Structure formats: C-alpha cells, structure tokens
Protein backbone atom coordinates (compact mmCIF):
# COMPACT_ATOMS: atom_id res chain seq x y z
CA MET A 1 183.72 149.18 272.52
CA ALA A 2 185.01 147.64 269.31
CA LYS A 3 181.88 148.90 267.55
CA LEU A 4 183.14 152.47 267.91
CA TRP A 5 185.93 151.70 265.46
CA ALA A 6 183.72 149.93 262.90
CA VAL A 7 184.45 151.16 259.38
CA LYS A 8 181.87 151.66 256.69
CA PRO A 9 182.53 149.02 253.98
CA MET A 10 183.84 150.32 250.66
CA SER A 11 181.20 148.19 248.91
CA ALA A 12 178.44 150.10 250.72
CA LEU A 13 179.99 153.44 249.76
CA MET A 14 180.26 152.40 246.12
CA ASN A 15 176.61 151.34 246.09
CA GLU A 16 175.58 154.72 247.52
CA ALA A 17 177.61 156.48 244.85
CA ARG A 18 175.68 154.66 242.10
CA GLU A 19 172.19 155.29 243.50
CA GLU A 20 169.85 157.51 241.48
CA GLY A 21 166.26 158.69 241.94
CA GLU A 22 164.09 161.37 243.48
CA HIS A 23 165.35 160.55 246.99
CA GLU A 24 169.00 161.05 246.01
CA LEU A 25 171.08 164.14 245.27
CA LYS A 26 171.05 165.30 241.65
CA ARG A 27 174.24 164.81 239.57
CA ALA A 28 174.46 168.12 237.73
CA LEU A 29 178.00 169.51 238.23
CA GLY A 30 180.86 169.46 235.71
CA PRO A 31 184.53 170.41 236.20
CA VAL A 32 183.91 174.13 235.61
CA ASN A 33 181.11 174.13 238.21
CA LEU A 34 183.39 172.35 240.70
CA ILE A 35 186.31 174.75 240.22
CA THR A 36 184.00 177.75 240.51
CA LEU A 37 182.43 176.22 243.63
CA GLY A 38 185.94 175.96 245.07
CA ILE A 39 186.91 179.47 244.03
CA GLY A 40 183.53 180.62 245.30
CA ALA A 41 184.46 179.41 248.78
CA VAL A 42 188.20 180.20 248.76
CA ILE A 43 188.35 183.58 247.03
CA GLY A 44 186.18 185.56 249.33
CA ALA A 45 186.71 185.51 253.05
CA GLY A 46 190.47 185.11 252.70
CA ILE A 47 191.04 187.97 250.29
CA PHE A 48 188.21 190.30 251.22
CA VAL A 49 188.24 189.84 255.00
CA LEU A 50 190.88 187.67 256.69
CA THR A 51 193.98 188.90 254.84
CA GLY A 52 193.76 192.24 256.60
CA GLN A 53 193.16 190.68 260.01
CA ALA A 54 196.06 188.23 259.69
CA ALA A 55 198.37 191.09 258.68
CA ALA A 56 197.22 193.45 261.44
CA LEU A 57 197.15 190.91 264.28
CA HIS A 58 199.87 188.38 263.43
CA ALA A 59 202.23 188.66 260.46
CA GLY A 60 202.39 192.25 259.22
CA PRO A 61 203.48 192.51 255.56
CA ALA A 62 204.82 188.94 255.87
CA VAL A 63 201.21 187.74 255.66
CA ALA A 64 202.18 186.76 252.10
CA LEU A 65 204.51 184.16 253.67
CA SER A 66 201.59 183.00 255.85
CA PHE A 67 199.68 182.24 252.66
CA VAL A 68 202.68 180.37 251.28
CA LEU A 69 202.83 178.23 254.44
CA ALA A 70 199.08 177.64 254.40
CA GLY A 71 199.19 176.83 250.69
CA ILE A 72 201.93 174.22 251.17
CA THR A 73 199.90 172.57 253.93
CA CYS A 74 196.84 172.63 251.69
CA ALA A 75 198.80 171.08 248.83
CA PHE A 76 199.51 167.96 250.90
CA ALA A 77 195.91 167.72 252.06
CA GLY A 78 194.52 168.63 248.64
CA LEU A 79 196.26 165.72 246.93
CA CYS A 80 194.82 163.36 249.55
CA TYR A 81 191.34 164.85 249.17
CA ALA A 82 191.59 164.41 245.39
CA GLU A 83 192.32 160.69 245.76
CA PHE A 84 189.39 160.13 248.12
CA ALA A 85 186.93 162.31 246.19
CA ALA A 86 187.59 160.37 242.97
CA LEU A 87 187.54 157.00 244.77
CA ILE A 88 184.49 157.63 247.01
CA PRO A 89 182.24 160.18 245.24
CA ILE A 90 179.89 160.60 248.20
CA ALA A 91 178.67 163.75 249.97
CA GLY A 92 180.29 164.18 253.37
CA SER A 93 183.93 164.91 252.61
CA ALA A 94 186.32 164.17 255.51
CA TYR A 95 183.47 162.60 257.50
CA THR A 96 182.87 159.96 254.81
CA TYR A 97 186.58 159.33 254.23
CA GLY A 98 187.19 158.93 257.97
CA TYR A 99 184.27 156.50 258.21
CA ALA A 100 185.79 154.32 255.48
CA THR A 101 189.25 154.16 257.06
CA LEU A 102 189.43 155.17 260.73
CA GLY A 103 186.07 154.04 262.04
CA GLU A 104 182.71 155.41 263.10
CA PHE A 105 183.81 157.24 266.25
CA VAL A 106 186.50 159.24 264.43
CA ALA A 107 184.07 159.89 261.56
CA TRP A 108 181.45 161.19 263.99
CA MET A 109 183.92 163.50 265.72
CA ILE A 110 185.23 165.02 262.49
CA GLY A 111 181.74 165.28 260.98
CA TRP A 112 180.42 167.05 264.08
CA ASP A 113 183.51 169.28 264.04
CA LEU A 114 182.93 170.18 260.37
CA VAL A 115 179.36 171.21 261.17
CA LEU A 116 180.77 173.80 263.61
CA GLU A 117 183.47 174.82 261.13
CA TYR A 118 181.07 175.59 258.31
CA ALA A 119 178.59 177.32 260.63
CA PHE A 120 181.18 179.77 261.94
CA GLY A 121 182.74 180.01 258.48
CA ALA A 122 179.50 181.14 256.86
CA ALA A 123 178.86 183.49 259.78
CA THR A 124 182.33 185.07 259.48
CA VAL A 125 181.77 185.69 255.79
CA ALA A 126 178.29 187.12 256.39
CA SER A 127 179.84 189.62 258.80
CA GLY A 128 182.41 190.66 256.20
CA TRP A 129 179.71 190.81 253.49
CA SER A 130 177.70 193.14 255.68
CA GLY A 131 180.70 195.46 256.08
CA TYR A 132 181.28 195.71 252.33
CA LEU A 133 177.59 196.16 251.46
CA VAL A 134 177.08 198.92 254.03
CA SER A 135 180.24 200.68 252.80
CA LEU A 136 179.08 200.39 249.17
CA LEU A 137 175.61 201.74 249.95
CA GLN A 138 177.13 204.68 251.83
CA ASP A 139 179.12 205.54 248.70
CA PHE A 140 175.73 206.10 247.03
CA HIS A 141 174.41 208.03 250.07
CA ILE A 142 172.14 205.16 251.12
CA HIS A 143 172.32 204.76 254.87
CA ILE A 144 171.03 201.80 256.84
CA PRO A 145 170.61 202.70 260.53
CA PRO A 146 174.14 202.08 261.85
CA ARG A 147 172.92 200.32 264.99
CA LEU A 148 171.57 197.56 262.71
CA THR A 149 174.80 197.05 260.76
CA THR A 150 177.08 195.75 263.50
CA THR A 151 177.00 193.50 266.55
CA TYR A 152 175.97 194.49 270.07
CA GLY A 153 178.61 196.57 271.83
CA ASP A 154 180.58 197.53 268.69
CA VAL A 155 180.97 201.30 268.26
CA LEU A 156 180.74 203.03 264.86
CA TYR A 157 181.96 206.57 264.18
CA LEU A 158 180.64 209.02 261.57
CA TYR A 159 183.51 210.32 259.43
CA ASN A 160 183.23 211.83 255.95
CA ALA A 161 179.55 210.73 255.68
CA HIS A 162 180.52 207.09 256.41
CA TRP A 163 179.87 205.09 259.58
CA MET A 164 182.97 203.05 260.31
CA PRO A 165 184.77 201.22 263.16
CA ARG A 166 187.56 202.99 265.00
CA MET A 167 190.26 200.95 263.23
CA SER A 168 189.15 202.34 259.83
CA LEU A 169 189.56 206.01 260.82
CA PRO A 170 192.50 207.77 259.10
CA PRO A 171 195.62 208.35 261.23
CA GLY A 172 195.39 211.52 263.28
CA VAL A 173 191.60 211.63 263.41
CA SER A 174 190.32 211.71 267.00
CA ALA A 175 187.46 209.29 267.55
CA ALA A 176 186.36 211.22 270.64
CA SER A 177 185.42 214.23 268.52
CA LEU A 178 183.17 212.28 266.14
CA PRO A 179 179.49 211.32 266.42
CA HIS A 180 179.21 207.65 267.35
CA VAL A 181 176.64 204.93 268.03
CA MET A 182 176.72 201.47 269.58
CA GLY A 183 175.53 198.46 267.61
CA ILE A 184 172.48 196.38 268.58
CA PHE A 185 172.04 193.60 266.01
CA ASN A 186 173.56 193.06 262.56
CA VAL A 187 170.34 192.77 260.56
CA VAL A 188 172.22 192.91 257.23
CA ALA A 189 174.27 189.78 257.96
CA PHE A 190 171.21 188.01 259.40
CA LEU A 191 169.17 188.55 256.22
CA ALA A 192 172.10 187.55 254.00
CA ILE A 193 172.23 184.04 255.50
CA LEU A 194 168.45 183.64 255.16
CA VAL A 195 168.51 184.59 251.46
CA VAL A 196 171.37 182.18 250.72
CA THR A 197 169.45 179.42 252.53
CA VAL A 198 166.44 179.94 250.25
CA ILE A 199 168.67 179.73 247.17
CA LEU A 200 170.16 176.42 248.38
CA VAL A 201 166.72 174.94 249.02
CA VAL A 202 165.64 175.72 245.44
CA GLY A 203 168.29 173.47 243.87
CA ILE A 204 171.95 172.55 243.40
CA GLU A 205 172.05 173.30 239.66
CA GLU A 206 170.51 176.74 240.15
CA SER A 207 172.83 177.40 243.10
CA ALA A 208 175.90 176.33 241.09
CA ASN A 209 174.98 178.46 238.07
CA LEU A 210 174.38 181.51 240.26
CA ASN A 211 177.68 180.80 242.01
CA THR A 212 179.54 180.64 238.67
CA ALA A 213 178.17 184.02 237.60
CA MET A 214 179.10 185.64 240.93
CA VAL A 215 182.58 184.08 240.85
CA LEU A 216 183.25 185.75 237.48
CA ILE A 217 182.21 189.11 238.97
CA LYS A 218 184.41 188.47 242.00
CA LEU A 219 187.49 187.57 239.98
CA SER A 220 186.98 190.70 237.89
CA ALA A 221 186.96 192.76 241.08
CA VAL A 222 190.16 191.08 242.32
CA GLY A 223 191.77 191.77 238.93
CA ILE A 224 190.73 195.44 239.09
CA PHE A 225 192.16 195.70 242.62
CA LEU A 226 195.49 194.25 241.49
CA VAL A 227 195.74 196.52 238.44
CA ILE A 228 194.89 199.66 240.43
CA GLY A 229 197.02 198.61 243.40
CA ILE A 230 200.13 197.70 241.41
CA GLY A 231 199.79 200.91 239.39
CA PHE A 232 199.52 202.92 242.62
CA LEU A 233 202.63 201.25 244.08
CA LEU A 234 204.63 201.90 240.91
CA ARG A 235 203.64 205.59 240.87
CA HIS A 236 204.37 206.07 244.58
CA PRO A 237 207.34 203.79 245.36
CA HIS A 238 208.02 205.54 248.67
CA ILE A 239 204.69 204.30 250.11
CA PRO A 240 205.40 200.55 249.85
CA GLN A 241 208.95 201.17 251.07
CA ILE A 242 207.44 202.57 254.28
CA ASN A 243 204.60 200.04 254.60
CA TRP A 244 206.75 196.97 253.85
CA HIS A 245 209.49 197.97 256.32
CA PRO A 246 210.15 195.86 258.21
CA PHE A 247 208.66 193.07 256.11
CA ILE A 248 208.68 190.76 259.15
CA PRO A 249 207.90 193.03 262.15
CA PRO A 250 209.80 192.24 265.39
CA SER A 251 208.08 189.74 267.63
CA GLU A 252 205.94 191.22 270.43
CA GLY A 253 204.99 187.87 271.98
CA PRO A 254 203.65 184.44 270.95
CA GLY A 255 201.85 184.77 267.62
CA LEU A 256 202.43 188.54 267.50
CA TYR A 257 204.67 189.23 264.51
CA GLY A 258 208.09 187.73 263.91
CA TRP A 259 208.40 184.19 262.55
CA GLY A 260 205.88 182.97 265.13
CA GLY A 261 203.42 185.52 263.78
CA ILE A 262 203.80 184.07 260.28
CA SER A 263 202.77 180.63 261.59
CA ALA A 264 199.93 182.12 263.63
CA GLY A 265 198.83 184.07 260.56
CA ALA A 266 198.80 180.89 258.49
CA ALA A 267 196.63 179.17 261.11
CA SER A 268 194.26 182.14 261.34
CA ILE A 269 193.68 182.33 257.58
CA PHE A 270 193.42 178.59 257.07
CA PHE A 271 189.66 178.74 257.04
CA ALA A 272 189.96 180.65 253.76
CA TYR A 273 191.26 177.46 252.13
CA ILE A 274 188.35 175.17 252.94
CA GLY A 275 187.00 175.71 249.44
CA PHE A 276 188.46 172.47 248.14
CA ASP A 277 187.03 170.67 251.17
CA ALA A 278 183.66 172.15 250.17
CA VAL A 279 184.22 170.88 246.62
CA SER A 280 184.60 167.35 247.96
CA THR A 281 181.25 167.60 249.77
CA ALA A 282 179.62 168.00 246.33
CA ALA A 283 181.11 164.75 244.97
CA GLN A 284 177.71 163.03 244.98
CA GLU A 285 176.39 165.80 242.73
CA ALA A 286 179.23 165.63 240.15
CA LYS A 287 178.47 164.20 236.72
CA ASN A 288 181.82 162.39 236.36
CA PRO A 289 183.42 162.48 239.83
CA GLN A 290 186.33 160.13 239.01
CA ARG A 291 187.69 162.63 236.49
CA ASP A 292 186.25 165.94 237.65
CA MET A 293 186.82 165.91 241.42
CA PRO A 294 190.66 165.98 241.24
CA ILE A 295 190.42 168.76 238.62
CA GLY A 296 188.09 170.78 240.85
CA ILE A 297 190.14 170.36 244.03
CA ILE A 298 193.66 170.88 242.66
CA GLY A 299 192.58 173.59 240.20
CA THR A 300 190.95 175.52 243.04
CA LEU A 301 194.05 175.27 245.23
CA VAL A 302 196.55 176.43 242.59
CA ILE A 303 194.51 179.39 241.32
CA CYS A 304 193.55 180.65 244.76
CA THR A 305 196.98 180.41 246.39
CA LEU A 306 198.54 182.55 243.66
CA LEU A 307 195.80 185.17 244.00
CA TYR A 308 196.13 185.26 247.79
CA ILE A 309 199.87 185.92 247.65
CA LEU A 310 199.45 188.69 245.06
CA VAL A 311 196.59 190.46 246.83
CA SER A 312 198.14 190.31 250.31
CA THR A 313 201.44 191.69 249.03
CA VAL A 314 199.78 194.57 247.16
CA MET A 315 197.37 195.36 250.00
CA THR A 316 200.07 195.68 252.68
CA GLY A 317 202.08 197.86 250.30
CA MET A 318 199.19 200.30 249.77
CA VAL A 319 198.39 200.93 253.46
CA SER A 320 199.93 200.17 256.83
CA TYR A 321 199.08 196.66 258.00
CA LYS A 322 198.06 198.16 261.35
CA THR A 323 194.92 199.69 259.77
CA LEU A 324 193.63 196.43 258.25
CA ASN A 325 191.88 194.76 261.21
CA VAL A 326 188.44 195.60 259.79
CA ALA A 327 185.60 193.75 258.02
CA ASP A 328 186.48 195.34 254.65
CA PRO A 329 190.31 195.65 254.42
CA MET A 330 190.40 195.62 250.61
CA ALA A 331 188.05 198.64 250.56
CA VAL A 332 190.34 200.42 253.05
CA ALA A 333 193.33 199.75 250.77
CA ILE A 334 191.63 200.82 247.55
CA ASP A 335 190.28 204.00 249.21
CA ALA A 336 193.91 205.03 249.82
CA THR A 337 194.40 205.41 246.06
CA GLY A 338 191.69 208.08 245.78
CA ILE A 339 190.21 206.30 242.74
CA ALA A 340 186.52 206.40 243.60
CA TRP A 341 185.29 204.19 240.75
CA GLY A 342 187.89 201.55 241.60
CA SER A 343 186.69 201.49 245.18
CA VAL A 344 183.08 201.04 244.07
CA LEU A 345 183.93 198.19 241.68
CA VAL A 346 185.99 196.35 244.29
CA LYS A 347 183.19 196.68 246.82
CA VAL A 348 180.66 195.38 244.28
CA GLY A 349 182.95 192.42 243.59
CA ALA A 350 183.33 191.79 247.31
CA VAL A 351 179.56 191.83 247.86
CA PHE A 352 179.03 189.24 245.12
CA GLY A 353 182.18 187.34 246.04
CA LEU A 354 181.41 186.91 249.70
CA ALA A 355 177.88 185.82 248.81
CA THR A 356 179.36 182.82 246.95
CA VAL A 357 181.37 181.85 250.02
CA MET A 358 178.25 181.83 252.18
CA LEU A 359 176.48 179.74 249.56
CA VAL A 360 179.21 177.10 249.29
CA MET A 361 179.77 176.82 253.04
CA LEU A 362 176.09 176.38 253.84
CA LEU A 363 175.86 173.89 250.96
CA ALA A 364 178.77 171.90 252.41
CA GLN A 365 177.37 171.92 255.93
CA SER A 366 173.96 170.64 254.87
CA ARG A 367 175.62 167.84 252.83
CA ILE A 368 177.56 166.67 255.88
CA PHE A 369 174.32 166.69 257.87
CA PHE A 370 172.73 164.71 255.02
CA SER A 371 175.48 162.07 254.98
CA MET A 372 175.50 161.64 258.77
CA SER A 373 171.72 161.27 258.79
CA ARG A 374 171.78 158.67 256.00
CA ASP A 375 174.24 156.64 258.10
CA GLY A 376 171.88 156.80 261.09
CA LEU A 377 174.18 159.03 263.14
CA LEU A 378 171.85 162.06 263.05
CA TRP A 379 168.10 162.42 263.06
CA LYS A 380 166.14 161.23 260.00
CA TRP A 381 164.81 164.67 259.12
CA ALA A 382 168.36 165.81 258.29
CA GLY A 383 168.53 163.29 255.43
CA LYS A 384 165.19 164.09 253.79
CA ILE A 385 165.34 165.16 250.14
CA HIS A 386 162.78 167.55 248.64
CA PRO A 387 160.85 165.62 245.95
CA ARG A 388 160.93 168.53 243.50
CA PHE A 389 164.17 170.39 244.21
CA ARG A 390 166.21 167.25 245.09
CA THR A 391 168.02 169.08 247.90
CA PRO A 392 168.30 168.28 251.66
CA TYR A 393 165.86 171.09 252.34
CA LEU A 394 165.24 170.52 256.04
CA SER A 395 168.99 170.51 256.75
CA ASN A 396 169.32 173.72 254.77
CA ILE A 397 166.48 175.44 256.62
CA VAL A 398 167.51 174.38 260.14
CA VAL A 399 171.22 175.10 259.59
CA GLY A 400 170.56 178.43 257.87
CA GLY A 401 168.13 179.53 260.56
CA ILE A 402 170.66 178.89 263.33
CA VAL A 403 173.69 180.28 261.49
CA ALA A 404 171.86 183.54 260.66
CA PHE A 405 172.04 184.61 264.32
CA LEU A 406 175.83 184.13 264.66
CA PRO A 407 177.07 187.12 262.56
CA ALA A 408 174.22 189.21 263.93
CA LEU A 409 175.42 188.76 267.50
CA PHE A 410 179.19 188.03 267.43
CA PRO A 411 182.01 190.25 266.03
CA ILE A 412 183.97 189.04 263.03
CA ASP A 413 187.31 188.54 264.79
CA ARG A 414 185.77 186.14 267.32
CA LEU A 415 183.92 184.22 264.60
CA ALA A 416 187.06 183.79 262.48
CA GLU A 417 189.04 182.45 265.46
CA LEU A 418 186.55 179.62 265.93
CA VAL A 419 186.71 178.18 262.42
CA ASN A 420 190.19 176.95 261.65
CA MET A 421 190.63 174.04 264.04
CA GLY A 422 187.89 172.02 262.33
CA THR A 423 189.53 172.52 258.95
CA LEU A 424 192.97 171.49 260.17
CA LEU A 425 191.69 168.40 261.99
CA ALA A 426 189.76 167.38 258.87
CA PHE A 427 192.94 167.71 256.80
CA ALA A 428 194.88 165.51 259.22
CA ILE A 429 192.13 162.85 259.17
CA VAL A 430 191.97 162.75 255.37
CA CYS A 431 195.75 162.49 255.04
CA ALA A 432 195.84 159.65 257.58
CA GLY A 433 192.95 157.94 255.77
CA VAL A 434 194.78 157.84 252.43
CA TRP A 435 197.83 156.26 254.05
CA ILE A 436 195.75 153.66 255.94
CA LEU A 437 193.67 152.71 252.89
CA ARG A 438 196.81 152.32 250.75
CA ARG A 439 198.13 149.79 253.28
CA ARG A 440 194.79 148.08 253.81
CA MET A 441 193.72 147.86 250.15
CA PRO A 442 196.84 148.45 248.02
CA ASN A 443 195.44 146.91 244.84
CA MET A 444 192.19 148.87 244.70
CA HIS A 445 191.68 150.82 241.47
CA ARG A 446 192.17 154.52 242.16
CA PRO A 447 191.13 157.01 239.42
CA PHE A 448 193.55 159.51 240.98
CA LYS A 449 196.56 158.56 243.13
CA THR A 450 198.26 160.84 245.64
CA PRO A 451 201.99 160.87 244.77
CA LEU A 452 204.77 159.91 247.19
CA VAL A 453 202.66 158.01 249.71
CA PRO A 454 203.31 157.89 252.69
CA LEU A 455 205.51 161.03 252.54
CA VAL A 456 202.76 163.41 251.33
CA PRO A 457 200.15 162.20 253.88
CA ILE A 458 202.70 162.37 256.72
CA LEU A 459 203.68 165.92 255.78
CA GLY A 460 199.99 166.85 255.59
CA ILE A 461 199.34 165.46 259.08
CA VAL A 462 202.41 167.11 260.65
CA THR A 463 201.81 170.56 259.14
CA ALA A 464 198.09 170.52 260.00
CA LEU A 465 198.72 169.54 263.62
CA TYR A 466 201.49 172.15 263.92
CA LEU A 467 199.06 174.87 262.85
CA VAL A 468 196.46 173.53 265.32
CA TRP A 469 199.08 174.03 268.06
CA THR A 470 199.43 177.72 267.12
CA LEU A 471 195.69 178.49 267.33
CA PRO A 472 194.37 180.70 270.17
CA ALA A 473 193.24 179.00 273.40
CA LEU A 474 189.65 180.22 272.87
CA THR A 475 189.43 178.25 269.62
CA LYS A 476 190.49 175.05 271.30
CA GLU A 477 188.15 175.57 274.24
CA VAL A 478 185.08 176.16 272.06
CA VAL A 479 185.86 173.15 269.84
CA ILE A 480 186.33 170.91 272.90
CA ALA A 481 182.98 172.11 274.32
CA TRP A 482 181.30 171.45 270.96
CA LEU A 483 182.79 167.96 270.78
CA ILE A 484 181.53 167.20 274.31
CA ILE A 485 178.02 168.12 273.15
CA GLY A 486 178.57 165.86 270.14
CA LEU A 487 179.61 162.96 272.36
CA GLY A 488 176.34 163.30 274.23
CA ILE A 489 174.38 162.99 270.97
CA TYR A 490 176.55 160.12 269.76
CA PHE A 491 176.16 157.95 272.85
CA THR A 492 172.46 158.71 273.38
CA TYR A 493 171.27 158.56 269.75
CA SER A 494 173.86 157.62 267.15
CA VAL A 495 175.07 154.31 268.58
CA LYS A 496 171.46 153.08 268.71
CA HIS A 497 170.64 154.04 265.12
CA SER A 498 173.98 153.50 263.31
CA LYS A 499 173.36 151.47 260.16
CA VAL A 500 176.94 150.17 260.18
CA GLN A 501 176.63 148.91 263.76
CA LYS A 502 173.24 147.33 262.99
CA ALA A 503 174.81 145.55 260.01
CA LEU A 504 177.64 144.25 262.20
CA GLY A 505 175.14 142.99 264.75
CA THR A 506 173.19 141.14 262.02
CA GLU A 507 176.39 139.54 260.68
CA ARG A 508 177.32 138.25 264.16
CA LYS A 509 173.89 136.66 264.56
C-alpha cells in the first residue's frame, strides 16, 4: 500500500528535463510563443462561448464579478504553477507536480482527470467554433445543411435567412411559425477536431507559429468588438441602463442569480482559464523554461482576466443576458448594433480564435498522455515520438479521433458542465504541492518563488475547493465515474509497469 504514495525523485525529473534527441520533445518555444499559447487557450471559449452562458444561466450582468472571482482563484494557482514549471520543466503539468510531491496515486488520479478535462474542453470549443463558422458562412449566403451543424435532438429555426437555435430568435418572434429542422450530427465540429489533430502531429514549432498568427487575429477581433460595443453603449445609454438593471438579479434558487449565482458562474467559466495550465504542459518544449515559464503563465493570466471583465461587461450591456445562452453570444451581441461589417469581423476572429483553443487543449492532453506513458502508468504507444516530427503522434491521433465525436453528439451546455472540476482539482493539487515541497526541500534552488507561502497555496486550495462545491451534480457524477474507470486501469496495468515502483523494488533488494 505504501507504494501508492511513492513520489518520483526530483533527480529523475531533472534528468528527464535535460534529455535531448529524436525520441524526446523538441525545445522550440520562447516566451512570446508561451504567452500566445496561453492566450490561445484562454481567450476563446471564455469570451466567445462561455461568457454568454454564465450570464444567462447563473450571474446575469454580474458575470463580470464571476470573472473577478475566477481570476483571483487563478492568481493563487498561477503563482504556484509558475514555481513548479520553472523548477520542473517537464511535460505533464499538475500530473508531474503531483507525482513529485504527493505520490503516484494522487498523480495518477489528477492526470486521468486532466485527460477528461481537456477532452471535454476541446469538444466544448469545437461546438462553439461550429456555431460561429456556420453563422459566418450564412452571412455570405453559404448554407451547410442545418441537420449537420448541430447535435441530435437540437432544433434550429429559419429566421432572416439564418438557421439558429430558439434562444437566438429576437424577442417577440414566434418559433412555432418558423420553418425548423432537428439536428442529426455536428459534422462541422467533428471535422474541426480532425484538422487540428493533423496540425499537432506535424510538429510543435509549426503548431505554435500557426497559433501565434491566429491569436493576433483573435485579439484584433476582440478589440473590434470592444470598440464597436463601447461606442454603441455611449450612443444609446438607455440600453445598458435597462440591460444592467438589476446588475445582480434576484436569486431564483441555488446557483441561479444572486450572490450564489456569481459563485456558480465563476465555477462554470473556470474552464476558460486553463490556458496557463496548458502552458505548463509545454514546459519540456520551452527553450529556457526557468525564465520563460513564469512569464508565459503570469502574463497569460493578467492579460486574459482584464479582457474577460471588459468583454463580459460590454456584452451584457448591449443585449439582455437572457438571450446569451447560445454557442455564439458575441455574434448575438454585435448583431444588435446593426453594424454588419463589425459582425463579420468578430465572427472571423472567433473562428480563428476558437481554433487556437482546440489546438492548445489537444496539445496539452497528448502531453499528459505522453508523460504518464513515459512513467509506465499508461500504455507504451502513448509515449512514442515520431522520428521526423518529434511529436507524440499516436497520442494525438487516438485522442483526436475520440474527442471528435463528443461535440458532434453532445450539446455545448452539457459539454461545458463536465470540464471545470478537473481544472479546479488540478489547481488544488498544484497549490498543495508547492507548500509540501517548500517544507520538504526548503533549500532547493527555485528560479521562481511563489510569494507568501503558505498563505498563497492555502488560499488557492480553499478557493478551488469552494468552486468545486458549487458545480452541478452531473459534473461530479461524471468525474467520479471517469475516476472509477481510471482506478481499474491503474490497478490492472499501471501498478505493474510503474517505473517508480520498479525502482523502489530494486532499491529494497
């Protein structure tokens, strides 16, 4: 039983970090690449998709306060991630950090949990990407068969030459009087995941450069939205007065508006912040991780939190929060201005922007698979590196092939609900790990040190676990079921092949 709590020696981790060659990941990323990777993951689903859902279902206009709460929680965790990423520049993120401090069993559980998190995260974004692309194409009178643009059972209505869900119809328009169809399979989202998977197989440097270019397009679109939106609010001050009143809607039950809704909104959008967690999974591909990883993680967090607060405030001022529970809430808001070119540019930015989120999430998931395989906890094929592209190509292909079916079959609101628990648990593990390692090895050289230890780690743990408590029951049930499956794999395969446990057995002999 004691073997379950065996930690991976720091000396072994440091040796892995120094390894080079055709069977290792390629070190090709600088600080700009790392920040854009983070922004690529963070500025996307949160702004273009989840902001509207959190406002409509939980917080109302006070969704801006939800982002403040989530940002504060992320700040505690982000500082702890920065210390670990600079100290242990290995792919694997919270899985690797947990292995070094809390033991193999905890590392397995959080690694397996992160696999689920990134799978549903990429699927959620693919669903939102599909909504924006279809809307953009319809602006140019290009129509994909509507049954192939949404999941089975979802109903789309034809209004003003656009197929849209019922929530997107203007107030006063009767859905019963409009032509409608029922979805079969979201082919658009399915193909999006497959294309991103091919890009990741080709190489990390190519993926990062493409990501950087798309991030610039995405930030331009966000900037255009803010300029148009703020101008619209200034010209029509009566509209935000109506839409922002009351700023905190009265509570209608647990997690439904009021102060409880702000907390529930923060938990529901937390998945949007996993960008800096994704940055840490690329530590083994950073040129100078001791310097660049803290820059990438903290820079991502600061830039993105400010943008989230601005966009959510402007969006809920432009339209009623009740109309934003759709896959493309920013498009709904910009359409209210009547500025057609602005709507097109924002949709173009969203299409490119959400593509970067899919790319970074699938990259992060395959790197966790890679790290777990290299430790003997998953099958050997997951750790194989392509001799030419220097990427974990089999992990990419298997993961991408499975994830492609999720957004094609499940609606976006269900997918988003299933993501956040993994993120929050990972944050709690990383914060605990920093505190434990400071006590266990206080004199170790740390290129970056989390300030105010143990206060910052404790606050990170408490806030993360509080947000876990506010998550829907379905989220907890699915994660528990997934972890039970993981336990089956761990006790039937991982304990027999664990390199750390084999090393301990050799030492005892």
